[in-house]
Amino acid sequence: MADKVIRGIVKTLLYIFLVLLFVYIFVSARKVGYLVFADLPLDGPEYAKESILTVEEGEKLLDITKDMEKMGIINNAYVCAMSFRSMEGYKEIRPGEYVLKSSQKPSEILDILIHKEEKEE
């Protein structure tokens, strides 16, 4: 009899643990999704840092975003790389030197890196 009660309690605790684990995973995934698609700048204009980013020929997207993270332009290189990949034109990043600010949104940074204003003319 006591054995059945203990099994029932253990099963119930296991189910509760699994439900809480799924809730935690869902909330974490939602947070990452929000960060990827929210297109928010790191800082406001009054606190913006300005840095020069050098993009080399053939440099990988993640390496570019890691450089931006080191400079304090973005908060998380992986989230920014996913954000860029969700936007049109991320494969057209050109090599060169760029002046970037931490008050720029990821979409604005990508527009600078692909020279979007030149394409529109």
PDB file of N, CA and C in Angstrom:
ATOM      1  N   MET A   1       0.821  -1.195   0.000  1.00  0.00           N
ATOM      2  CA  MET A   1       0.000   0.000   0.000  1.00  0.00           C
ATOM      3  C   MET A   1       0.865   1.258   0.000  1.00  0.00           C
ATOM      4  N   ALA A   2       1.850   1.287   0.883  1.00  0.00           N
ATOM      5  CA  ALA A   2       2.743   2.449   0.970  1.00  0.00           C
ATOM      6  C   ALA A   2       3.546   2.591  -0.315  1.00  0.00           C
ATOM      7  N   ASP A   3       3.844   1.453  -0.946  1.00  0.00           N
ATOM      8  CA  ASP A   3       4.607   1.463  -2.186  1.00  0.00           C
ATOM      9  C   ASP A   3       3.822   2.175  -3.301  1.00  0.00           C
ATOM     10  N   LYS A   4       2.497   1.922  -3.386  1.00  0.00           N
ATOM     11  CA  LYS A   4       1.652   2.572  -4.387  1.00  0.00           C
ATOM     12  C   LYS A   4       1.557   4.073  -4.142  1.00  0.00           C
ATOM     13  N   VAL A   5       1.475   4.468  -2.899  1.00  0.00           N
ATOM     14  CA  VAL A   5       1.387   5.892  -2.554  1.00  0.00           C
ATOM     15  C   VAL A   5       2.672   6.604  -2.965  1.00  0.00           C
ATOM     16  N   ILE A   6       3.815   5.983  -2.678  1.00  0.00           N
ATOM     17  CA  ILE A   6       5.110   6.588  -3.029  1.00  0.00           C
ATOM     18  C   ILE A   6       5.249   6.707  -4.549  1.00  0.00           C
ATOM     19  N   ARG A   7       4.849   5.658  -5.272  1.00  0.00           N
ATOM     20  CA  ARG A   7       4.893   5.711  -6.741  1.00  0.00           C
ATOM     21  C   ARG A   7       3.997   6.825  -7.271  1.00  0.00           C
ATOM     22  N   GLY A   8       2.815   6.961  -6.705  1.00  0.00           N
ATOM     23  CA  GLY A   8       1.896   8.029  -7.128  1.00  0.00           C
ATOM     24  C   GLY A   8       2.481   9.410  -6.881  1.00  0.00           C
ATOM     25  N   ILE A   9       3.110   9.591  -5.740  1.00  0.00           N
ATOM     26  CA  ILE A   9       3.726  10.888  -5.427  1.00  0.00           C
ATOM     27  C   ILE A   9       4.887  11.173  -6.373  1.00  0.00           C
ATOM     28  N   VAL A  10       5.724  10.170  -6.631  1.00  0.00           N
ATOM     29  CA  VAL A  10       6.867  10.347  -7.532  1.00  0.00           C
ATOM     30  C   VAL A  10       6.386  10.665  -8.952  1.00  0.00           C
ATOM     31  N   LYS A  11       5.349   9.951  -9.422  1.00  0.00           N
ATOM     32  CA  LYS A  11       4.790  10.228 -10.748  1.00  0.00           C
ATOM     33  C   LYS A  11       4.261  11.652 -10.831  1.00  0.00           C
ATOM     34  N   THR A  12       3.530  12.059  -9.814  1.00  0.00           N
ATOM     35  CA  THR A  12       2.967  13.411  -9.792  1.00  0.00           C
ATOM     36  C   THR A  12       4.078  14.460  -9.808  1.00  0.00           C
ATOM     37  N   LEU A  13       5.115  14.257  -9.000  1.00  0.00           N
ATOM     38  CA  LEU A  13       6.235  15.194  -8.979  1.00  0.00           C
ATOM     39  C   LEU A  13       6.968  15.228 -10.312  1.00  0.00           C
ATOM     40  N   LEU A  14       7.091  14.078 -10.955  1.00  0.00           N
ATOM     41  CA  LEU A  14       7.727  14.016 -12.272  1.00  0.00           C
ATOM     42  C   LEU A  14       6.915  14.793 -13.302  1.00  0.00           C
ATOM     43  N   TYR A  15       5.598  14.626 -13.297  1.00  0.00           N
ATOM     44  CA  TYR A  15       4.742  15.365 -14.223  1.00  0.00           C
ATOM     45  C   TYR A  15       4.822  16.872 -13.972  1.00  0.00           C
ATOM     46  N   ILE A  16       4.828  17.262 -12.721  1.00  0.00           N
ATOM     47  CA  ILE A  16       4.945  18.684 -12.384  1.00  0.00           C
ATOM     48  C   ILE A  16       6.284  19.228 -12.888  1.00  0.00           C
ATOM     49  N   PHE A  17       7.361  18.456 -12.676  1.00  0.00           N
ATOM     50  CA  PHE A  17       8.679  18.875 -13.156  1.00  0.00           C
ATOM     51  C   PHE A  17       8.689  19.036 -14.668  1.00  0.00           C
ATOM     52  N   LEU A  18       8.101  18.090 -15.392  1.00  0.00           N
ATOM     53  CA  LEU A  18       8.065  18.168 -16.857  1.00  0.00           C
ATOM     54  C   LEU A  18       7.266  19.374 -17.342  1.00  0.00           C
ATOM     55  N   VAL A  19       6.143  19.641 -16.714  1.00  0.00           N
ATOM     56  CA  VAL A  19       5.337  20.805 -17.090  1.00  0.00           C
ATOM     57  C   VAL A  19       6.120  22.092 -16.857  1.00  0.00           C
ATOM     58  N   LEU A  20       6.780  22.201 -15.711  1.00  0.00           N
ATOM     59  CA  LEU A  20       7.577  23.392 -15.420  1.00  0.00           C
ATOM     60  C   LEU A  20       8.751  23.531 -16.391  1.00  0.00           C
ATOM     61  N   LEU A  21       9.350  22.418 -16.769  1.00  0.00           N
ATOM     62  CA  LEU A  21      10.441  22.443 -17.738  1.00  0.00           C
ATOM     63  C   LEU A  21       9.953  22.952 -19.094  1.00  0.00           C
ATOM     64  N   PHE A  22       8.808  22.468 -19.547  1.00  0.00           N
ATOM     65  CA  PHE A  22       8.249  22.934 -20.818  1.00  0.00           C
ATOM     66  C   PHE A  22       7.891  24.413 -20.761  1.00  0.00           C
ATOM     67  N   VAL A  23       7.351  24.869 -19.644  1.00  0.00           N
ATOM     68  CA  VAL A  23       7.032  26.290 -19.492  1.00  0.00           C
ATOM     69  C   VAL A  23       8.312  27.126 -19.560  1.00  0.00           C
ATOM     70  N   TYR A  24       9.359  26.676 -18.883  1.00  0.00           N
ATOM     71  CA  TYR A  24      10.637  27.391 -18.897  1.00  0.00           C
ATOM     72  C   TYR A  24      11.204  27.459 -20.313  1.00  0.00           C
ATOM     73  N   ILE A  25      11.175  26.344 -21.040  1.00  0.00           N
ATOM     74  CA  ILE A  25      11.682  26.310 -22.418  1.00  0.00           C
ATOM     75  C   ILE A  25      10.864  27.245 -23.302  1.00  0.00           C
ATOM     76  N   PHE A  26       9.554  27.226 -23.163  1.00  0.00           N
ATOM     77  CA  PHE A  26       8.690  28.099 -23.953  1.00  0.00           C
ATOM     78  C   PHE A  26       8.985  29.568 -23.685  1.00  0.00           C
ATOM     79  N   VAL A  27       9.108  29.948 -22.421  1.00  0.00           N
ATOM     80  CA  VAL A  27       9.377  31.343 -22.065  1.00  0.00           C
ATOM     81  C   VAL A  27      10.746  31.773 -22.593  1.00  0.00           C
ATOM     82  N   SER A  28      11.731  30.902 -22.486  1.00  0.00           N
ATOM     83  CA  SER A  28      13.070  31.227 -22.990  1.00  0.00           C
ATOM     84  C   SER A  28      13.062  31.382 -24.505  1.00  0.00           C
ATOM     85  N   ALA A  29      12.394  30.494 -25.198  1.00  0.00           N
ATOM     86  CA  ALA A  29      12.310  30.577 -26.662  1.00  0.00           C
ATOM     87  C   ALA A  29      11.560  31.831 -27.092  1.00  0.00           C
ATOM     88  N   ARG A  30      10.527  32.188 -26.367  1.00  0.00           N
ATOM     89  CA  ARG A  30       9.769  33.403 -26.670  1.00  0.00           C
ATOM     90  C   ARG A  30      10.642  34.643 -26.498  1.00  0.00           C
ATOM     91  N   LYS A  31      11.456  34.647 -25.449  1.00  0.00           N
ATOM     92  CA  LYS A  31      12.344  35.780 -25.191  1.00  0.00           C
ATOM     93  C   LYS A  31      13.368  35.933 -26.315  1.00  0.00           C
ATOM     94  N   VAL A  32      13.967  34.826 -26.738  1.00  0.00           N
ATOM     95  CA  VAL A  32      14.934  34.876 -27.831  1.00  0.00           C
ATOM     96  C   VAL A  32      14.250  35.329 -29.114  1.00  0.00           C
ATOM     97  N   GLY A  33      13.078  34.801 -29.398  1.00  0.00           N
ATOM     98  CA  GLY A  33      12.333  35.228 -30.580  1.00  0.00           C
ATOM     99  C   GLY A  33      12.025  36.710 -30.558  1.00  0.00           C
ATOM    100  N   TYR A  34      11.656  37.221 -29.402  1.00  0.00           N
ATOM    101  CA  TYR A  34      11.385  38.651 -29.282  1.00  0.00           C
ATOM    102  C   TYR A  34      12.643  39.462 -29.570  1.00  0.00           C
ATOM    103  N   LEU A  35      13.774  39.036 -29.005  1.00  0.00           N
ATOM    104  CA  LEU A  35      15.023  39.769 -29.225  1.00  0.00           C
ATOM    105  C   LEU A  35      15.440  39.754 -30.691  1.00  0.00           C
ATOM    106  N   VAL A  36      15.198  38.648 -31.378  1.00  0.00           N
ATOM    107  CA  VAL A  36      15.578  38.535 -32.784  1.00  0.00           C
ATOM    108  C   VAL A  36      14.717  39.448 -33.657  1.00  0.00           C
ATOM    109  N   PHE A  37      13.420  39.491 -33.410  1.00  0.00           N
ATOM    110  CA  PHE A  37      12.513  40.202 -34.307  1.00  0.00           C
ATOM    111  C   PHE A  37      12.098  41.590 -33.826  1.00  0.00           C
ATOM    112  N   ALA A  38      12.478  41.994 -32.620  1.00  0.00           N
ATOM    113  CA  ALA A  38      12.039  43.286 -32.083  1.00  0.00           C
ATOM    114  C   ALA A  38      12.732  44.459 -32.757  1.00  0.00           C
ATOM    115  N   ASP A  39      13.948  44.282 -33.257  1.00  0.00           N
ATOM    116  CA  ASP A  39      14.704  45.331 -33.936  1.00  0.00           C
ATOM    117  C   ASP A  39      14.892  46.553 -33.037  1.00  0.00           C
ATOM    118  N   LEU A  40      15.441  46.314 -31.848  1.00  0.00           N
ATOM    119  CA  LEU A  40      15.659  47.381 -30.871  1.00  0.00           C
ATOM    120  C   LEU A  40      17.136  47.736 -30.772  1.00  0.00           C
ATOM    121  N   PRO A  41      17.459  49.026 -30.622  1.00  0.00           N
ATOM    122  CA  PRO A  41      18.866  49.416 -30.435  1.00  0.00           C
ATOM    123  C   PRO A  41      19.346  49.069 -29.032  1.00  0.00           C
ATOM    124  N   LEU A  42      20.655  49.037 -28.852  1.00  0.00           N
ATOM    125  CA  LEU A  42      21.239  48.752 -27.543  1.00  0.00           C
ATOM    126  C   LEU A  42      21.040  49.925 -26.600  1.00  0.00           C
ATOM    127  N   ASP A  43      21.333  51.132 -27.061  1.00  0.00           N
ATOM    128  CA  ASP A  43      21.254  52.337 -26.234  1.00  0.00           C
ATOM    129  C   ASP A  43      20.350  53.372 -26.871  1.00  0.00           C
ATOM    130  N   GLY A  44      19.958  54.348 -26.059  1.00  0.00           N
ATOM    131  CA  GLY A  44      19.252  55.502 -26.575  1.00  0.00           C
ATOM    132  C   GLY A  44      20.245  56.472 -27.198  1.00  0.00           C
ATOM    133  N   PRO A  45      19.764  57.438 -27.962  1.00  0.00           N
ATOM    134  CA  PRO A  45      20.667  58.381 -28.637  1.00  0.00           C
ATOM    135  C   PRO A  45      21.572  59.161 -27.682  1.00  0.00           C
ATOM    136  N   GLU A  46      21.090  59.440 -26.483  1.00  0.00           N
ATOM    137  CA  GLU A  46      21.882  60.229 -25.535  1.00  0.00           C
ATOM    138  C   GLU A  46      23.049  59.444 -24.933  1.00  0.00           C
ATOM    139  N   TYR A  47      23.007  58.118 -24.994  1.00  0.00           N
ATOM    140  CA  TYR A  47      24.070  57.273 -24.432  1.00  0.00           C
ATOM    141  C   TYR A  47      24.852  56.516 -25.502  1.00  0.00           C
ATOM    142  N   ALA A  48      24.640  56.854 -26.736  1.00  0.00           N
ATOM    143  CA  ALA A  48      25.200  56.075 -27.847  1.00  0.00           C
ATOM    144  C   ALA A  48      26.719  56.131 -27.894  1.00  0.00           C
ATOM    145  N   LYS A  49      27.309  54.958 -28.136  1.00  0.00           N
ATOM    146  CA  LYS A  49      28.746  54.843 -28.391  1.00  0.00           C
ATOM    147  C   LYS A  49      28.934  54.753 -29.893  1.00  0.00           C
ATOM    148  N   GLU A  50      30.016  55.318 -30.357  1.00  0.00           N
ATOM    149  CA  GLU A  50      30.318  55.261 -31.785  1.00  0.00           C
ATOM    150  C   GLU A  50      31.621  54.499 -31.965  1.00  0.00           C
ATOM    151  N   SER A  51      31.637  53.563 -32.890  1.00  0.00           N
ATOM    152  CA  SER A  51      32.828  52.758 -33.149  1.00  0.00           C
ATOM    153  C   SER A  51      32.985  52.538 -34.641  1.00  0.00           C
ATOM    154  N   ILE A  52      34.200  52.194 -35.018  1.00  0.00           N
ATOM    155  CA  ILE A  52      34.481  51.890 -36.421  1.00  0.00           C
ATOM    156  C   ILE A  52      34.622  50.381 -36.561  1.00  0.00           C
ATOM    157  N   LEU A  53      33.799  49.812 -37.419  1.00  0.00           N
ATOM    158  CA  LEU A  53      33.810  48.378 -37.691  1.00  0.00           C
ATOM    159  C   LEU A  53      34.486  48.143 -39.027  1.00  0.00           C
ATOM    160  N   THR A  54      35.445  47.228 -39.044  1.00  0.00           N
ATOM    161  CA  THR A  54      36.102  46.846 -40.291  1.00  0.00           C
ATOM    162  C   THR A  54      35.618  45.460 -40.685  1.00  0.00           C
ATOM    163  N   VAL A  55      35.060  45.378 -41.881  1.00  0.00           N
ATOM    164  CA  VAL A  55      34.577  44.101 -42.424  1.00  0.00           C
ATOM    165  C   VAL A  55      35.548  43.677 -43.516  1.00  0.00           C
ATOM    166  N   GLU A  56      36.099  42.489 -43.348  1.00  0.00           N
ATOM    167  CA  GLU A  56      37.052  41.944 -44.323  1.00  0.00           C
ATOM    168  C   GLU A  56      36.305  41.166 -45.405  1.00  0.00           C
ATOM    169  N   GLU A  57      36.943  41.005 -46.550  1.00  0.00           N
ATOM    170  CA  GLU A  57      36.384  40.215 -47.648  1.00  0.00           C
ATOM    171  C   GLU A  57      36.201  38.768 -47.187  1.00  0.00           C
ATOM    172  N   GLY A  58      35.018  38.213 -47.362  1.00  0.00           N
ATOM    173  CA  GLY A  58      34.742  36.825 -47.019  1.00  0.00           C
ATOM    174  C   GLY A  58      34.533  36.569 -45.531  1.00  0.00           C
ATOM    175  N   GLU A  59      34.460  37.612 -44.719  1.00  0.00           N
ATOM    176  CA  GLU A  59      34.262  37.433 -43.278  1.00  0.00           C
ATOM    177  C   GLU A  59      32.860  36.898 -43.004  1.00  0.00           C
ATOM    178  N   LYS A  60      32.757  35.987 -42.071  1.00  0.00           N
ATOM    179  CA  LYS A  60      31.472  35.367 -41.747  1.00  0.00           C
ATOM    180  C   LYS A  60      30.600  36.333 -40.949  1.00  0.00           C
ATOM    181  N   LEU A  61      29.296  36.154 -41.090  1.00  0.00           N
ATOM    182  CA  LEU A  61      28.328  37.018 -40.409  1.00  0.00           C
ATOM    183  C   LEU A  61      28.517  36.980 -38.897  1.00  0.00           C
ATOM    184  N   LEU A  62      28.722  35.811 -38.336  1.00  0.00           N
ATOM    185  CA  LEU A  62      28.889  35.695 -36.884  1.00  0.00           C
ATOM    186  C   LEU A  62      30.162  36.409 -36.419  1.00  0.00           C
ATOM    187  N   ASP A  63      31.210  36.367 -37.212  1.00  0.00           N
ATOM    188  CA  ASP A  63      32.437  37.080 -36.853  1.00  0.00           C
ATOM    189  C   ASP A  63      32.210  38.589 -36.850  1.00  0.00           C
ATOM    190  N   ILE A  64      31.434  39.066 -37.793  1.00  0.00           N
ATOM    191  CA  ILE A  64      31.108  40.496 -37.851  1.00  0.00           C
ATOM    192  C   ILE A  64      30.317  40.911 -36.616  1.00  0.00           C
ATOM    193  N   THR A  65      29.316  40.117 -36.250  1.00  0.00           N
ATOM    194  CA  THR A  65      28.502  40.472 -35.085  1.00  0.00           C
ATOM    195  C   THR A  65      29.290  40.325 -33.790  1.00  0.00           C
ATOM    196  N   LYS A  66      30.231  39.376 -33.733  1.00  0.00           N
ATOM    197  CA  LYS A  66      31.083  39.263 -32.544  1.00  0.00           C
ATOM    198  C   LYS A  66      31.959  40.503 -32.389  1.00  0.00           C
ATOM    199  N   ASP A  67      32.458  41.027 -33.507  1.00  0.00           N
ATOM    200  CA  ASP A  67      33.233  42.274 -33.457  1.00  0.00           C
ATOM    201  C   ASP A  67      32.362  43.427 -32.947  1.00  0.00           C
ATOM    202  N   MET A  68      31.120  43.484 -33.416  1.00  0.00           N
ATOM    203  CA  MET A  68      30.211  44.546 -32.960  1.00  0.00           C
ATOM    204  C   MET A  68      29.914  44.412 -31.476  1.00  0.00           C
ATOM    205  N   GLU A  69      29.787  43.175 -30.996  1.00  0.00           N
ATOM    206  CA  GLU A  69      29.536  42.956 -29.570  1.00  0.00           C
ATOM    207  C   GLU A  69      30.737  43.422 -28.736  1.00  0.00           C
ATOM    208  N   LYS A  70      31.947  43.122 -29.188  1.00  0.00           N
ATOM    209  CA  LYS A  70      33.155  43.557 -28.476  1.00  0.00           C
ATOM    210  C   LYS A  70      33.245  45.080 -28.408  1.00  0.00           C
ATOM    211  N   MET A  71      32.779  45.749 -29.451  1.00  0.00           N
ATOM    212  CA  MET A  71      32.827  47.219 -29.495  1.00  0.00           C
ATOM    213  C   MET A  71      31.718  47.875 -28.678  1.00  0.00           C
ATOM    214  N   GLY A  72      30.729  47.094 -28.262  1.00  0.00           N
ATOM    215  CA  GLY A  72      29.621  47.652 -27.499  1.00  0.00           C
ATOM    216  C   GLY A  72      28.507  48.222 -28.367  1.00  0.00           C
ATOM    217  N   ILE A  73      28.454  47.810 -29.631  1.00  0.00           N
ATOM    218  CA  ILE A  73      27.413  48.281 -30.550  1.00  0.00           C
ATOM    219  C   ILE A  73      26.127  47.478 -30.360  1.00  0.00           C
ATOM    220  N   ILE A  74      26.277  46.197 -30.083  1.00  0.00           N
ATOM    221  CA  ILE A  74      25.127  45.311 -29.863  1.00  0.00           C
ATOM    222  C   ILE A  74      25.322  44.562 -28.550  1.00  0.00           C
ATOM    223  N   ASN A  75      24.272  43.936 -28.089  1.00  0.00           N
ATOM    224  CA  ASN A  75      24.293  43.222 -26.816  1.00  0.00           C
ATOM    225  C   ASN A  75      24.734  41.774 -26.959  1.00  0.00           C
ATOM    226  N   ASN A  76      24.276  41.088 -28.007  1.00  0.00           N
ATOM    227  CA  ASN A  76      24.526  39.660 -28.157  1.00  0.00           C
ATOM    228  C   ASN A  76      24.787  39.349 -29.627  1.00  0.00           C
ATOM    229  N   ALA A  77      25.960  38.808 -29.926  1.00  0.00           N
ATOM    230  CA  ALA A  77      26.353  38.539 -31.312  1.00  0.00           C
ATOM    231  C   ALA A  77      25.457  37.490 -31.968  1.00  0.00           C
ATOM    232  N   TYR A  78      25.085  36.472 -31.218  1.00  0.00           N
ATOM    233  CA  TYR A  78      24.272  35.393 -31.788  1.00  0.00           C
ATOM    234  C   TYR A  78      22.862  35.877 -32.117  1.00  0.00           C
ATOM    235  N   VAL A  79      22.270  36.650 -31.224  1.00  0.00           N
ATOM    236  CA  VAL A  79      20.928  37.188 -31.471  1.00  0.00           C
ATOM    237  C   VAL A  79      20.960  38.146 -32.656  1.00  0.00           C
ATOM    238  N   CYS A  80      22.002  38.973 -32.731  1.00  0.00           N
ATOM    239  CA  CYS A  80      22.111  39.916 -33.845  1.00  0.00           C
ATOM    240  C   CYS A  80      22.296  39.175 -35.168  1.00  0.00           C
ATOM    241  N   ALA A  81      23.106  38.118 -35.163  1.00  0.00           N
ATOM    242  CA  ALA A  81      23.299  37.330 -36.380  1.00  0.00           C
ATOM    243  C   ALA A  81      21.978  36.699 -36.831  1.00  0.00           C
ATOM    244  N   MET A  82      21.202  36.185 -35.884  1.00  0.00           N
ATOM    245  CA  MET A  82      19.887  35.624 -36.235  1.00  0.00           C
ATOM    246  C   MET A  82      18.967  36.716 -36.751  1.00  0.00           C
ATOM    247  N   SER A  83      19.048  37.899 -36.144  1.00  0.00           N
ATOM    248  CA  SER A  83      18.232  39.023 -36.587  1.00  0.00           C
ATOM    249  C   SER A  83      18.588  39.413 -38.020  1.00  0.00           C
ATOM    250  N   PHE A  84      19.890  39.509 -38.319  1.00  0.00           N
ATOM    251  CA  PHE A  84      20.325  39.830 -39.684  1.00  0.00           C
ATOM    252  C   PHE A  84      19.839  38.781 -40.668  1.00  0.00           C
ATOM    253  N   ARG A  85      19.927  37.510 -40.270  1.00  0.00           N
ATOM    254  CA  ARG A  85      19.501  36.427 -41.164  1.00  0.00           C
ATOM    255  C   ARG A  85      17.994  36.467 -41.443  1.00  0.00           C
ATOM    256  N   SER A  86      17.241  37.080 -40.556  1.00  0.00           N
ATOM    257  CA  SER A  86      15.798  37.183 -40.782  1.00  0.00           C
ATOM    258  C   SER A  86      15.449  38.347 -41.700  1.00  0.00           C
ATOM    259  N   MET A  87      16.445  39.164 -42.028  1.00  0.00           N
ATOM    260  CA  MET A  87      16.218  40.341 -42.886  1.00  0.00           C
ATOM    261  C   MET A  87      16.719  40.068 -44.302  1.00  0.00           C
ATOM    262  N   GLU A  88      16.147  40.803 -45.222  1.00  0.00           N
ATOM    263  CA  GLU A  88      16.539  40.653 -46.613  1.00  0.00           C
ATOM    264  C   GLU A  88      17.878  41.345 -46.861  1.00  0.00           C
ATOM    265  N   GLY A  89      18.761  40.693 -47.581  1.00  0.00           N
ATOM    266  CA  GLY A  89      20.009  41.309 -47.999  1.00  0.00           C
ATOM    267  C   GLY A  89      21.209  41.017 -47.134  1.00  0.00           C
ATOM    268  N   TYR A  90      21.095  40.171 -46.133  1.00  0.00           N
ATOM    269  CA  TYR A  90      22.223  39.942 -45.239  1.00  0.00           C
ATOM    270  C   TYR A  90      23.416  39.306 -45.952  1.00  0.00           C
ATOM    271  N   LYS A  91      23.184  38.646 -47.081  1.00  0.00           N
ATOM    272  CA  LYS A  91      24.277  38.023 -47.826  1.00  0.00           C
ATOM    273  C   LYS A  91      25.059  39.038 -48.658  1.00  0.00           C
ATOM    274  N   GLU A  92      24.576  40.265 -48.710  1.00  0.00           N
ATOM    275  CA  GLU A  92      25.203  41.293 -49.535  1.00  0.00           C
ATOM    276  C   GLU A  92      26.080  42.255 -48.740  1.00  0.00           C
ATOM    277  N   ILE A  93      26.502  41.864 -47.541  1.00  0.00           N
ATOM    278  CA  ILE A  93      27.372  42.724 -46.729  1.00  0.00           C
ATOM    279  C   ILE A  93      28.688  42.916 -47.467  1.00  0.00           C
ATOM    280  N   ARG A  94      29.087  44.187 -47.590  1.00  0.00           N
ATOM    281  CA  ARG A  94      30.304  44.511 -48.331  1.00  0.00           C
ATOM    282  C   ARG A  94      31.469  44.760 -47.374  1.00  0.00           C
ATOM    283  N   PRO A  95      32.674  44.422 -47.808  1.00  0.00           N
ATOM    284  CA  PRO A  95      33.845  44.738 -46.988  1.00  0.00           C
ATOM    285  C   PRO A  95      34.079  46.244 -46.944  1.00  0.00           C
ATOM    286  N   GLY A  96      34.699  46.696 -45.868  1.00  0.00           N
ATOM    287  CA  GLY A  96      35.001  48.119 -45.722  1.00  0.00           C
ATOM    288  C   GLY A  96      34.998  48.524 -44.264  1.00  0.00           C
ATOM    289  N   GLU A  97      35.149  49.827 -44.050  1.00  0.00           N
ATOM    290  CA  GLU A  97      35.098  50.385 -42.702  1.00  0.00           C
ATOM    291  C   GLU A  97      33.796  51.154 -42.541  1.00  0.00           C
ATOM    292  N   TYR A  98      33.127  50.924 -41.416  1.00  0.00           N
ATOM    293  CA  TYR A  98      31.825  51.515 -41.164  1.00  0.00           C
ATOM    294  C   TYR A  98      31.808  52.160 -39.784  1.00  0.00           C
ATOM    295  N   VAL A  99      31.194  53.334 -39.706  1.00  0.00           N
ATOM    296  CA  VAL A  99      30.985  53.997 -38.421  1.00  0.00           C
ATOM    297  C   VAL A  99      29.602  53.594 -37.937  1.00  0.00           C
ATOM    298  N   LEU A 100      29.562  52.902 -36.805  1.00  0.00           N
ATOM    299  CA  LEU A 100      28.300  52.419 -36.255  1.00  0.00           C
ATOM    300  C   LEU A 100      28.100  52.980 -34.854  1.00  0.00           C
ATOM    301  N   LYS A 101      26.831  53.136 -34.478  1.00  0.00           N
ATOM    302  CA  LYS A 101      26.482  53.641 -33.150  1.00  0.00           C
ATOM    303  C   LYS A 101      25.633  52.613 -32.427  1.00  0.00           C
ATOM    304  N   SER A 102      25.758  52.601 -31.110  1.00  0.00           N
ATOM    305  CA  SER A 102      24.961  51.653 -30.325  1.00  0.00           C
ATOM    306  C   SER A 102      23.495  52.059 -30.266  1.00  0.00           C
ATOM    307  N   SER A 103      23.161  53.241 -30.769  1.00  0.00           N
ATOM    308  CA  SER A 103      21.762  53.677 -30.798  1.00  0.00           C
ATOM    309  C   SER A 103      21.056  53.265 -32.093  1.00  0.00           C
ATOM    310  N   GLN A 104      21.770  52.571 -32.977  1.00  0.00           N
ATOM    311  CA  GLN A 104      21.162  52.127 -34.232  1.00  0.00           C
ATOM    312  C   GLN A 104      20.512  50.759 -34.053  1.00  0.00           C
ATOM    313  N   LYS A 105      19.374  50.597 -34.713  1.00  0.00           N
ATOM    314  CA  LYS A 105      18.686  49.302 -34.705  1.00  0.00           C
ATOM    315  C   LYS A 105      19.457  48.328 -35.588  1.00  0.00           C
ATOM    316  N   PRO A 106      19.309  47.024 -35.362  1.00  0.00           N
ATOM    317  CA  PRO A 106      19.970  46.056 -36.244  1.00  0.00           C
ATOM    318  C   PRO A 106      19.624  46.250 -37.718  1.00  0.00           C
ATOM    319  N   SER A 107      18.389  46.625 -38.019  1.00  0.00           N
ATOM    320  CA  SER A 107      18.010  46.847 -39.422  1.00  0.00           C
ATOM    321  C   SER A 107      18.765  48.037 -40.010  1.00  0.00           C
ATOM    322  N   GLU A 108      18.992  49.073 -39.216  1.00  0.00           N
ATOM    323  CA  GLU A 108      19.752  50.237 -39.683  1.00  0.00           C
ATOM    324  C   GLU A 108      21.222  49.878 -39.889  1.00  0.00           C
ATOM    325  N   ILE A 109      21.764  49.063 -38.994  1.00  0.00           N
ATOM    326  CA  ILE A 109      23.157  48.622 -39.129  1.00  0.00           C
ATOM    327  C   ILE A 109      23.313  47.792 -40.400  1.00  0.00           C
ATOM    328  N   LEU A 110      22.370  46.888 -40.650  1.00  0.00           N
ATOM    329  CA  LEU A 110      22.447  46.066 -41.858  1.00  0.00           C
ATOM    330  C   LEU A 110      22.341  46.927 -43.105  1.00  0.00           C
ATOM    331  N   ASP A 111      21.476  47.938 -43.086  1.00  0.00           N
ATOM    332  CA  ASP A 111      21.364  48.841 -44.234  1.00  0.00           C
ATOM    333  C   ASP A 111      22.696  49.527 -44.527  1.00  0.00           C
ATOM    334  N   ILE A 112      23.427  49.880 -43.484  1.00  0.00           N
ATOM    335  CA  ILE A 112      24.741  50.505 -43.665  1.00  0.00           C
ATOM    336  C   ILE A 112      25.728  49.491 -44.243  1.00  0.00           C
ATOM    337  N   LEU A 113      25.713  48.285 -43.715  1.00  0.00           N
ATOM    338  CA  LEU A 113      26.677  47.263 -44.145  1.00  0.00           C
ATOM    339  C   LEU A 113      26.461  46.793 -45.575  1.00  0.00           C
ATOM    340  N   ILE A 114      25.245  46.913 -46.094  1.00  0.00           N
ATOM    341  CA  ILE A 114      24.983  46.490 -47.475  1.00  0.00           C
ATOM    342  C   ILE A 114      24.883  47.684 -48.424  1.00  0.00           C
ATOM    343  N   HIS A 115      25.139  48.884 -47.915  1.00  0.00           N
ATOM    344  CA  HIS A 115      25.083  50.105 -48.728  1.00  0.00           C
ATOM    345  C   HIS A 115      23.712  50.261 -49.384  1.00  0.00           C
ATOM    346  N   LYS A 116      22.667  50.140 -48.600  1.00  0.00           N
ATOM    347  CA  LYS A 116      21.311  50.184 -49.136  1.00  0.00           C
ATOM    348  C   LYS A 116      20.989  51.511 -49.817  1.00  0.00           C
ATOM    349  N   GLU A 117      21.511  52.631 -49.275  1.00  0.00           N
ATOM    350  CA  GLU A 117      21.200  53.942 -49.867  1.00  0.00           C
ATOM    351  C   GLU A 117      21.747  54.049 -51.285  1.00  0.00           C
ATOM    352  N   GLU A 118      22.868  53.368 -51.586  1.00  0.00           N
ATOM    353  CA  GLU A 118      23.411  53.377 -52.945  1.00  0.00           C
ATOM    354  C   GLU A 118      22.530  52.573 -53.886  1.00  0.00           C
ATOM    355  N   LYS A 119      21.929  51.496 -53.405  1.00  0.00           N
ATOM    356  CA  LYS A 119      21.084  50.658 -54.234  1.00  0.00           C
ATOM    357  C   LYS A 119      19.782  51.339 -54.615  1.00  0.00           C
ATOM    358  N   GLU A 120      19.291  52.217 -53.746  1.00  0.00           N
ATOM    359  CA  GLU A 120      18.004  52.868 -53.990  1.00  0.00           C
ATOM    360  C   GLU A 120      18.104  53.976 -55.028  1.00  0.00           C
ATOM    361  N   GLU A 121      19.306  54.478 -55.264  1.00  0.00           N
ATOM    362  CA  GLU A 121      19.462  55.593 -56.216  1.00  0.00           C
ATOM    363  C   GLU A 121      19.398  55.156 -57.640  1.00  0.00           C
TER     364      GLU A 121
END
